[in-house]
Amino acid sequence: MAGPQKPQDRRNRRPEIQQEEKQYDERTLHIDRVARVVKGGRRFRFRALVVVGDRKHKVGIGSAKGADVTAAVTKATEVAKKHFVEVSLYKGTLPHEAESKVSGAHILILPASAGTGLIAGGVVRSVLEVAGVKNALSKSLGSSNKTNTAYATIAALDSLVPADKWITARPKKAKKPIAAEDKTEEKPVKTEKPEKVAKKPAAKTTKKKA
């Protein structure tokens, strides 16, 4: 017979932690220390740049300052959630190319075929990933300032137009209405000119010598 079962050691038990799936993907792009000069010296604070998105079609950017890094990131995240931009995607890529310029930053983004991936770096790559873009090409043509680059990327994504709203054909020009008088007027009938009959050369008369 089996002996009495020993109670399980409670020390080995780990409480089951229910991990809640985050609705948004939050990424900190840049943290900078800023200073404010006052009478007694300098007051240092932190500025955070955060991008938030749902990896489907929404993305937003926020920048805020705080006494410490955690406070700055929290404030920037709240700002980003209040300024979401809807991005129109087409089969995991962009519907067409877009270009935007914010201050000194100049960003160009292009659609790419499936399997290309994201050919982008730094801030642009993070923004495209959070927005849900899987295949795209990008090029930075201006300043490398991260804040301006991030806002330029958002502006380029916001300018995208979905394919169903494209104007594929030019509107036909309406024909000018013909006046009633013009309809009644009869066109002059062309009369055929009589053919010219070629004249025969006159016969030469020979004079008889006397």
Protein backbone atom coordinates (compact mmCIF):
# COMPACT_ATOMS: atom_id res chain seq x y z
CA MET A 1 0.00 0.00 0.00
CA ALA A 2 1.17 3.44 -0.84
CA GLY A 3 1.95 5.65 2.05
CA PRO A 4 0.15 8.89 2.79
CA GLN A 5 0.75 11.60 0.22
CA LYS A 6 2.93 14.41 1.43
CA PRO A 7 1.56 17.88 0.95
CA GLN A 8 3.31 19.81 -1.76
CA ASP A 9 5.85 22.30 -0.64
CA ARG A 10 4.31 25.75 -0.88
CA ARG A 11 7.69 27.32 -1.44
CA ASN A 12 7.94 25.68 -4.86
CA ARG A 13 4.57 26.99 -5.95
CA ARG A 14 4.66 30.01 -8.19
CA PRO A 15 1.62 32.21 -8.46
CA GLU A 16 0.20 32.22 -11.95
CA ILE A 17 0.68 35.67 -13.39
CA GLN A 18 -1.84 36.62 -16.00
CA GLN A 19 -0.01 38.57 -18.62
CA GLU A 20 -2.29 41.05 -20.28
CA GLU A 21 -1.65 41.56 -23.95
CA LYS A 22 -0.77 45.14 -24.67
CA GLN A 23 -3.15 46.82 -27.02
CA TYR A 24 -0.45 49.15 -28.34
CA ASP A 25 3.22 48.75 -29.11
CA GLU A 26 5.13 51.49 -27.30
CA ARG A 27 8.72 52.30 -28.19
CA THR A 28 11.05 54.95 -26.83
CA LEU A 29 12.94 56.49 -29.73
CA HIS A 30 15.15 59.00 -27.94
CA ILE A 31 15.86 60.39 -24.46
CA ASP A 32 17.72 63.64 -24.04
CA ARG A 33 18.74 65.67 -21.01
CA VAL A 34 17.84 69.33 -21.21
CA ALA A 35 18.84 72.16 -18.92
CA ARG A 36 17.15 75.36 -17.87
CA VAL A 37 19.33 78.18 -16.55
CA VAL A 38 17.95 79.97 -13.49
CA LYS A 39 19.39 82.38 -10.98
CA GLY A 40 20.78 79.68 -8.73
CA GLY A 41 22.28 77.57 -11.51
CA ARG A 42 20.94 74.96 -13.93
CA ARG A 43 17.85 72.82 -13.56
CA PHE A 44 18.13 69.53 -15.44
CA ARG A 45 15.16 67.64 -16.86
CA PHE A 46 14.65 64.82 -19.35
CA ARG A 47 12.86 64.84 -22.70
CA ALA A 48 11.50 61.63 -24.23
CA LEU A 49 10.37 60.85 -27.77
CA VAL A 50 7.93 57.93 -27.94
CA VAL A 51 6.07 56.24 -30.80
CA VAL A 52 2.88 54.22 -30.17
CA GLY A 53 0.97 52.03 -32.63
CA ASP A 54 -1.31 49.02 -32.91
CA ARG A 55 0.63 47.34 -35.79
CA LYS A 56 -2.45 47.59 -38.02
CA HIS A 57 -3.16 51.09 -39.23
CA LYS A 58 -2.74 53.47 -36.28
CA VAL A 59 0.41 55.24 -35.17
CA GLY A 60 1.20 58.32 -33.11
CA ILE A 61 4.24 60.23 -31.84
CA GLY A 62 4.63 62.18 -28.62
CA SER A 63 7.37 64.23 -27.01
CA ALA A 64 7.33 65.43 -23.41
CA LYS A 65 9.60 66.49 -20.54
CA GLY A 66 9.76 65.24 -16.97
CA ALA A 67 11.82 65.41 -13.81
CA ASP A 68 13.08 61.88 -14.45
CA VAL A 69 13.14 59.46 -17.37
CA THR A 70 10.07 57.47 -16.26
CA ALA A 71 7.93 60.57 -15.92
CA ALA A 72 9.05 61.87 -19.31
CA VAL A 73 8.28 58.55 -21.06
CA THR A 74 4.85 58.32 -19.40
CA LYS A 75 3.91 61.84 -20.47
CA ALA A 76 5.17 61.30 -24.01
CA THR A 77 3.16 58.07 -24.30
CA GLU A 78 -0.04 59.86 -23.29
CA VAL A 79 0.63 62.59 -25.84
CA ALA A 80 1.21 60.00 -28.59
CA LYS A 81 -2.09 58.22 -27.83
CA LYS A 82 -3.96 61.50 -28.21
CA HIS A 83 -2.51 62.16 -31.66
CA PHE A 84 -3.08 58.93 -33.58
CA VAL A 85 -2.86 58.94 -37.38
CA GLU A 86 -4.61 56.33 -39.52
CA VAL A 87 -2.33 54.82 -42.15
CA SER A 88 -3.82 53.28 -45.30
CA LEU A 89 -1.95 50.07 -46.15
CA TYR A 90 -2.16 47.76 -49.16
CA LYS A 91 -1.11 44.10 -48.77
CA GLY A 92 1.38 44.88 -46.02
CA THR A 93 3.02 47.74 -47.86
CA LEU A 94 2.27 51.32 -48.89
CA PRO A 95 -0.27 52.09 -51.63
CA HIS A 96 2.07 54.59 -53.29
CA GLU A 97 5.20 56.62 -52.65
CA ALA A 98 5.09 59.59 -50.28
CA GLU A 99 7.44 62.42 -49.43
CA SER A 100 7.38 64.88 -46.55
CA LYS A 101 9.56 67.62 -45.11
CA VAL A 102 9.46 68.90 -41.52
CA SER A 103 11.98 71.60 -40.65
CA GLY A 104 15.33 70.21 -41.86
CA ALA A 105 14.22 66.58 -42.10
CA HIS A 106 13.24 65.26 -45.54
CA ILE A 107 11.82 61.72 -45.75
CA LEU A 108 10.90 59.62 -48.79
CA ILE A 109 9.06 56.30 -48.40
CA LEU A 110 8.29 53.86 -51.23
CA PRO A 111 6.21 50.66 -51.53
CA ALA A 112 8.01 47.33 -51.97
CA SER A 113 7.08 43.82 -53.10
CA ALA A 114 6.37 41.02 -50.65
CA GLY A 115 9.49 39.57 -49.02
CA THR A 116 11.53 42.76 -49.27
CA GLY A 117 11.16 43.71 -45.62
CA LEU A 118 11.78 47.16 -44.22
CA ILE A 119 14.73 48.86 -45.86
CA ALA A 120 14.94 51.65 -43.32
CA GLY A 121 16.95 52.54 -40.29
CA GLY A 122 16.70 54.33 -36.98
CA VAL A 123 13.55 56.27 -36.27
CA VAL A 124 11.91 55.60 -39.65
CA ARG A 125 12.13 51.83 -39.19
CA SER A 126 10.56 51.97 -35.72
CA VAL A 127 7.68 54.13 -36.92
CA LEU A 128 6.95 51.87 -39.91
CA GLU A 129 7.08 48.70 -37.79
CA VAL A 130 4.68 50.09 -35.20
CA ALA A 131 2.33 51.27 -37.97
CA GLY A 132 2.13 47.72 -39.37
CA VAL A 133 4.16 48.20 -42.56
CA LYS A 134 5.99 44.97 -43.46
CA ASN A 135 7.58 45.83 -46.82
CA ALA A 136 8.81 49.30 -47.70
CA LEU A 137 11.78 51.34 -48.86
CA SER A 138 12.85 54.64 -47.33
CA LYS A 139 15.44 57.34 -47.75
CA SER A 140 16.41 60.26 -45.53
CA LEU A 141 17.30 63.25 -47.69
CA GLY A 142 17.81 65.89 -45.02
CA SER A 143 18.67 66.38 -41.37
CA SER A 144 19.30 63.43 -39.04
CA ASN A 145 17.50 65.06 -36.09
CA LYS A 146 15.39 62.27 -34.59
CA THR A 147 12.45 64.41 -33.55
CA ASN A 148 12.07 66.08 -36.94
CA THR A 149 12.64 62.76 -38.74
CA ALA A 150 9.90 61.08 -36.71
CA TYR A 151 7.39 63.84 -37.40
CA ALA A 152 8.32 63.88 -41.10
CA THR A 153 7.67 60.13 -41.30
CA ILE A 154 4.27 60.55 -39.65
CA ALA A 155 3.42 63.35 -42.08
CA ALA A 156 4.37 61.14 -45.04
CA LEU A 157 2.21 58.26 -43.75
CA ASP A 158 -0.69 60.63 -43.15
CA SER A 159 -0.55 61.84 -46.77
CA LEU A 160 -1.13 58.34 -48.21
CA VAL A 161 -4.33 57.90 -50.24
CA PRO A 162 -6.00 54.45 -50.39
CA ALA A 163 -6.23 52.77 -53.79
CA ASP A 164 -10.04 52.94 -53.93
CA LYS A 165 -9.89 56.73 -53.92
CA TRP A 166 -7.44 57.12 -56.77
CA ILE A 167 -8.56 58.99 -59.88
CA THR A 168 -7.62 56.65 -62.70
CA ALA A 169 -9.32 58.38 -65.66
CA ARG A 170 -9.67 61.98 -66.63
CA PRO A 171 -13.22 63.37 -66.83
CA LYS A 172 -14.48 63.71 -70.37
CA LYS A 173 -15.07 67.23 -71.59
CA ALA A 174 -18.72 68.03 -72.26
CA LYS A 175 -19.52 68.79 -75.87
CA LYS A 176 -20.79 72.26 -76.64
CA PRO A 177 -24.54 72.27 -77.46
CA ILE A 178 -25.32 73.09 -81.07
CA ALA A 179 -27.61 76.09 -81.55
CA ALA A 180 -31.05 75.47 -83.06
CA GLU A 181 -30.34 77.80 -85.95
CA ASP A 182 -27.27 75.84 -86.91
CA LYS A 183 -29.29 72.62 -87.13
CA THR A 184 -31.82 74.08 -89.60
CA GLU A 185 -29.23 75.55 -91.89
CA GLU A 186 -28.62 73.38 -94.88
CA LYS A 187 -25.09 72.83 -95.93
CA PRO A 188 -24.35 74.11 -99.42
CA VAL A 189 -24.30 71.35 -101.99
CA LYS A 190 -21.09 71.15 -103.91
CA THR A 191 -21.71 71.34 -107.65
CA GLU A 192 -19.37 69.48 -109.90
CA LYS A 193 -17.59 71.68 -112.38
CA PRO A 194 -17.99 70.65 -116.02
CA GLU A 195 -15.02 68.96 -117.42
CA LYS A 196 -13.04 71.04 -119.86
CA VAL A 197 -13.05 69.63 -123.36
CA ALA A 198 -9.67 69.77 -124.97
CA LYS A 199 -9.75 71.90 -128.11
CA LYS A 200 -8.47 70.31 -131.27
CA PRO A 201 -5.72 72.21 -132.99
CA ALA A 202 -6.93 74.03 -136.11
CA ALA A 203 -6.00 72.39 -139.40
CA LYS A 204 -3.33 74.21 -141.35
CA THR A 205 -4.48 75.57 -144.70
CA THR A 206 -2.01 75.57 -147.57
CA LYS A 207 -2.21 78.48 -149.95
CA LYS A 208 -2.01 77.65 -153.65
CA LYS A 209 0.64 79.47 -155.58
CA ALA A 210 -0.70 81.56 -158.46
